[in-house]
Protein backbone atom coordinates (compact mmCIF):
# COMPACT_ATOMS: atom_id res chain seq x y z
CA MET A 1 0.00 0.00 0.00
CA ARG A 2 1.39 3.41 -0.99
CA VAL A 3 0.78 6.09 1.64
CA CYS A 4 1.55 9.80 1.36
CA ILE A 5 2.61 11.37 4.66
CA VAL A 6 2.55 15.16 4.93
CA GLY A 7 4.95 16.17 7.68
CA GLY A 8 8.40 14.71 8.25
CA GLY A 9 8.88 15.44 11.94
CA LYS A 10 9.07 12.86 14.71
CA ILE A 11 5.55 11.59 14.11
CA GLY A 12 6.05 11.43 10.34
CA PHE A 13 9.33 9.57 10.83
CA TYR A 14 7.84 7.07 13.28
CA LEU A 15 4.78 6.48 11.10
CA SER A 16 6.92 6.02 7.97
CA LYS A 17 9.20 3.58 9.77
CA THR A 18 6.27 1.54 11.08
CA LEU A 19 4.53 1.39 7.71
CA LEU A 20 7.80 0.44 6.01
CA GLU A 21 8.37 -2.39 8.51
CA HIS A 22 4.88 -3.69 7.75
CA GLY A 23 5.56 -3.87 4.02
CA HIS A 24 3.91 -0.62 2.92
CA GLN A 25 5.34 2.14 0.70
CA PRO A 26 5.41 5.53 2.44
CA VAL A 27 6.32 8.74 0.62
CA VAL A 28 6.87 11.86 2.71
CA ILE A 29 6.35 15.55 1.95
CA GLU A 30 8.32 17.87 4.24
CA GLN A 31 9.36 21.52 3.95
CA ASN A 32 12.49 21.45 6.10
CA ALA A 33 15.56 20.46 4.06
CA VAL A 34 17.42 18.93 7.02
CA SER A 35 14.44 16.78 7.97
CA CYS A 36 14.16 15.64 4.36
CA ARG A 37 17.78 14.50 4.30
CA ASN A 38 17.45 12.70 7.62
CA LEU A 39 14.34 10.85 6.46
CA ALA A 40 15.81 9.86 3.12
CA ASN A 41 19.08 8.69 4.68
CA SER A 42 17.54 6.86 7.63
CA LEU A 43 14.64 5.10 5.91
CA ASP A 44 15.63 5.09 2.23
CA ILE A 45 12.16 6.20 1.10
CA PRO A 46 10.98 8.87 -1.36
CA VAL A 47 10.98 12.30 0.31
CA ILE A 48 9.61 15.41 -1.39
CA GLN A 49 10.81 18.78 -0.13
CA GLY A 50 7.82 21.07 -0.41
CA ASP A 51 4.55 22.29 1.02
CA GLY A 52 2.04 19.45 1.42
CA THR A 53 -0.85 21.89 1.07
CA THR A 54 0.06 22.58 -2.59
CA MET A 55 -0.81 20.56 -5.67
CA GLU A 56 2.80 20.87 -6.82
CA ALA A 57 4.10 18.86 -3.87
CA LEU A 58 1.23 16.39 -3.89
CA SER A 59 1.72 15.74 -7.61
CA ALA A 60 5.46 15.25 -7.07
CA ALA A 61 4.61 12.61 -4.47
CA LYS A 62 2.29 10.90 -7.01
CA CYS A 63 -0.62 11.33 -4.66
CA GLU A 64 -3.01 9.90 -7.24
CA GLU A 65 -1.29 6.51 -6.79
CA CYS A 66 -1.70 6.52 -2.99
CA ALA A 67 -4.28 4.51 -1.09
CA ALA A 68 -4.16 7.04 1.74
CA LEU A 69 -2.83 10.43 2.77
CA VAL A 70 -1.93 11.22 6.37
CA GLY A 71 -1.38 14.79 7.53
CA VAL A 72 0.85 14.87 10.62
CA THR A 73 2.28 18.39 10.61
CA GLY A 74 2.14 20.54 13.72
CA ARG A 75 -0.64 22.69 12.23
CA ASP A 76 -4.20 21.41 12.07
CA GLU A 77 -5.09 23.70 9.14
CA CYS A 78 -2.24 22.29 7.04
CA ASN A 79 -3.30 18.72 7.75
CA LEU A 80 -6.87 19.60 6.83
CA ILE A 81 -5.96 21.27 3.52
CA ALA A 82 -3.66 18.41 2.51
CA CYS A 83 -6.43 15.90 3.20
CA GLN A 84 -9.02 17.94 1.31
CA LEU A 85 -6.80 18.24 -1.76
CA ALA A 86 -5.97 14.54 -1.65
CA LYS A 87 -9.64 13.59 -1.51
CA ARG A 88 -11.08 16.10 -3.99
CA VAL A 89 -8.29 16.47 -6.55
CA TYR A 90 -6.43 13.15 -6.42
CA TYR A 91 -9.34 10.93 -5.35
CA VAL A 92 -7.37 9.32 -2.54
CA LYS A 93 -9.46 6.61 -0.90
CA LYS A 94 -8.76 7.44 2.75
CA THR A 95 -7.50 10.58 4.49
CA VAL A 96 -6.23 10.81 8.06
CA ALA A 97 -5.37 14.03 9.89
CA ARG A 98 -3.41 14.49 13.06
CA VAL A 99 -5.36 16.91 15.27
CA ASN A 100 -3.10 18.84 17.62
CA ASN A 101 -6.05 20.58 19.28
CA PRO A 102 -8.71 17.98 20.24
CA LYS A 103 -11.39 20.67 19.93
CA ASN A 104 -10.77 20.70 16.16
CA ALA A 105 -11.47 17.01 15.65
CA ALA A 106 -15.21 17.34 14.98
CA VAL A 107 -14.73 20.28 12.61
CA VAL A 108 -11.99 18.50 10.67
CA LYS A 109 -14.27 15.50 10.10
CA GLN A 110 -17.16 17.76 9.08
CA LEU A 111 -14.90 19.31 6.45
CA GLY A 112 -14.29 15.99 4.74
CA VAL A 113 -11.41 14.24 6.51
CA ASP A 114 -12.17 10.54 7.00
CA ILE A 115 -10.31 10.10 10.28
CA ALA A 116 -9.20 12.80 12.73
CA ILE A 117 -6.97 11.52 15.51
CA SER A 118 -4.26 12.70 17.85
CA SER A 119 -2.40 9.47 18.66
CA THR A 120 0.33 8.27 16.28
CA ASP A 121 -0.06 4.66 17.37
CA ASN A 122 -3.78 4.82 16.69
CA ILE A 123 -3.11 6.36 13.26
CA THR A 124 -0.97 3.37 12.36
CA ARG A 125 -3.56 0.86 13.55
CA LEU A 126 -6.40 2.67 11.80
CA LEU A 127 -4.45 2.82 8.57
CA GLU A 128 -3.89 -0.91 8.61
CA ARG A 129 -7.42 -1.80 9.69
CA GLU A 130 -9.39 0.64 7.55
CA ILE A 131 -7.20 1.09 4.48
CA GLU A 132 -5.17 -2.06 4.04
CA THR A 133 -8.34 -4.13 4.05
CA SER A 134 -12.00 -3.12 4.12
CA ALA A 135 -12.83 -6.64 5.34
CA ILE A 136 -12.08 -5.62 8.94
CA GLN A 137 -14.45 -3.08 10.52
CA GLN A 138 -14.43 -1.93 14.15
CA LEU A 139 -17.76 -2.37 15.93
CA MET A 140 -16.87 -1.06 19.36
CA SER A 141 -13.78 0.14 21.19
CA LEU A 142 -13.65 -1.62 24.56
CA SER A 143 -10.46 -0.05 25.89
CA ALA A 144 -7.46 1.94 24.75
CA ASP A 145 -6.09 -1.04 22.81
CA THR A 146 -8.92 -3.58 22.50
CA SER A 147 -11.87 -3.68 20.11
CA LEU A 148 -14.90 -5.73 19.18
CA THR A 149 -14.52 -6.12 15.43
CA GLU A 150 -16.35 -7.64 12.48
CA ILE A 151 -14.49 -9.42 9.68
CA ILE A 152 -16.36 -9.89 6.40
CA ILE A 153 -14.72 -12.74 4.50
CA PRO A 154 -13.95 -11.40 0.99
CA GLU A 155 -14.44 -13.19 -2.33
CA HIS A 156 -10.71 -13.78 -2.79
CA PHE A 157 -10.33 -15.51 0.62
CA SER A 158 -7.70 -18.22 0.15
CA TYR A 159 -8.97 -20.45 2.96
CA SER A 160 -12.67 -20.57 2.10
CA GLY A 161 -14.09 -23.92 3.22
CA HIS A 162 -11.37 -24.48 5.81
CA THR A 163 -12.23 -24.91 9.47
CA LEU A 164 -11.18 -22.55 12.25
CA ALA A 165 -8.90 -25.32 13.50
CA ASP A 166 -7.09 -25.16 10.15
CA LEU A 167 -6.53 -21.42 10.36
CA THR A 168 -3.79 -19.65 12.28
CA ILE A 169 -5.40 -17.26 14.77
CA PRO A 170 -3.15 -14.69 16.48
CA THR A 171 -2.85 -15.01 20.25
CA ASP A 172 -4.59 -11.68 20.89
CA VAL A 173 -7.67 -12.55 18.77
CA ILE A 174 -10.73 -14.44 20.07
CA ILE A 175 -13.43 -15.53 17.58
CA ILE A 176 -16.85 -14.86 19.16
CA SER A 177 -19.40 -15.63 16.45
CA VAL A 178 -19.95 -16.43 12.77
CA THR A 179 -23.00 -15.20 10.85
CA ARG A 180 -23.80 -16.91 7.53
CA ASN A 181 -26.86 -16.05 5.43
CA GLY A 182 -28.55 -14.59 8.49
CA GLU A 183 -27.82 -17.65 10.65
CA PHE A 184 -25.91 -17.08 13.89
CA ILE A 185 -23.26 -19.74 14.53
CA ILE A 186 -21.37 -20.27 17.77
CA PRO A 187 -17.87 -21.12 16.50
CA ARG A 188 -16.04 -24.34 17.23
CA GLY A 189 -12.80 -25.69 15.83
CA SER A 190 -14.84 -27.65 13.28
CA THR A 191 -16.71 -24.54 12.05
CA THR A 192 -15.89 -23.82 8.41
CA ILE A 193 -15.23 -20.28 7.20
CA ASN A 194 -16.74 -19.37 3.85
CA VAL A 195 -16.81 -16.35 1.54
CA GLY A 196 -19.37 -13.82 2.78
CA ASP A 197 -19.29 -14.97 6.41
CA LYS A 198 -19.36 -12.23 9.04
CA ILE A 199 -17.01 -13.05 11.90
CA VAL A 200 -17.13 -11.09 15.15
CA CYS A 201 -13.96 -11.20 17.20
CA LEU A 202 -12.46 -9.62 20.29
CA ALA A 203 -8.90 -8.50 19.71
CA ARG A 204 -6.15 -6.12 20.64
CA ASP A 205 -5.74 -3.42 17.98
CA THR A 206 -2.13 -4.42 17.40
CA ALA A 207 -3.24 -7.90 16.28
CA PHE A 208 -5.21 -6.81 13.23
CA HIS A 209 -2.21 -6.41 10.94
CA THR A 210 -1.06 -9.93 11.83
CA LEU A 211 -4.56 -11.31 11.29
CA SER A 212 -4.88 -9.55 7.92
CA GLU A 213 -1.57 -10.96 6.74
CA THR A 214 -2.13 -14.47 8.14
CA TRP A 215 -5.60 -14.80 6.61
CA ARG A 216 -4.58 -12.94 3.44
CA LEU A 217 -7.45 -10.47 3.76
CA GLN A 218 -5.71 -7.65 1.89
CA GLU A 219 -7.68 -6.29 -1.01
CA ASN A 220 -6.39 -7.01 -4.49
CA ASP A 221 -4.77 -3.99 -6.19
């Protein structure tokens, strides 16, 4: 997944490093020349020196090829503008804005940003859960790092017809129920998983990337 990150400070660096480690392709837009050099040298990723609120910089980053844009500068208005341009001009599927002032979160979402959030760790988890695969949707946040989540088994699911006992389930994931054609099924090891099934699970947010990779839930490009 190609992700454009506007802002190459500490948060931008950490987010780029995390995405890179998880097999994604981050590209960063940053105005400060020193920060650009540090990013390029440390992570060996594309870094554009420029203003992420301009079409010139966004075009240089090939924003139209990105699955998501994340604005993590220190200014809420810059993050908002970058997200708006990405969505309206480059038709980026998902936009995420760091909100430095929590009071701005509601306004930022009203102005078209898909996700407004202030925690870098949560940005990473949301990117992986909501962009990398649409098969995983959060139903309810139960704590700071645990969610009740629904997994819709996609058409390309490699393990359709296999039982839960056949599948590798991460340690921090508990399968609660399976719904098939309106029928509620209490899962057992012998329960088969088929295309179109809706699986409700309890899991730590950090486990979703592992689950997505293990079950090969990523959407086809």
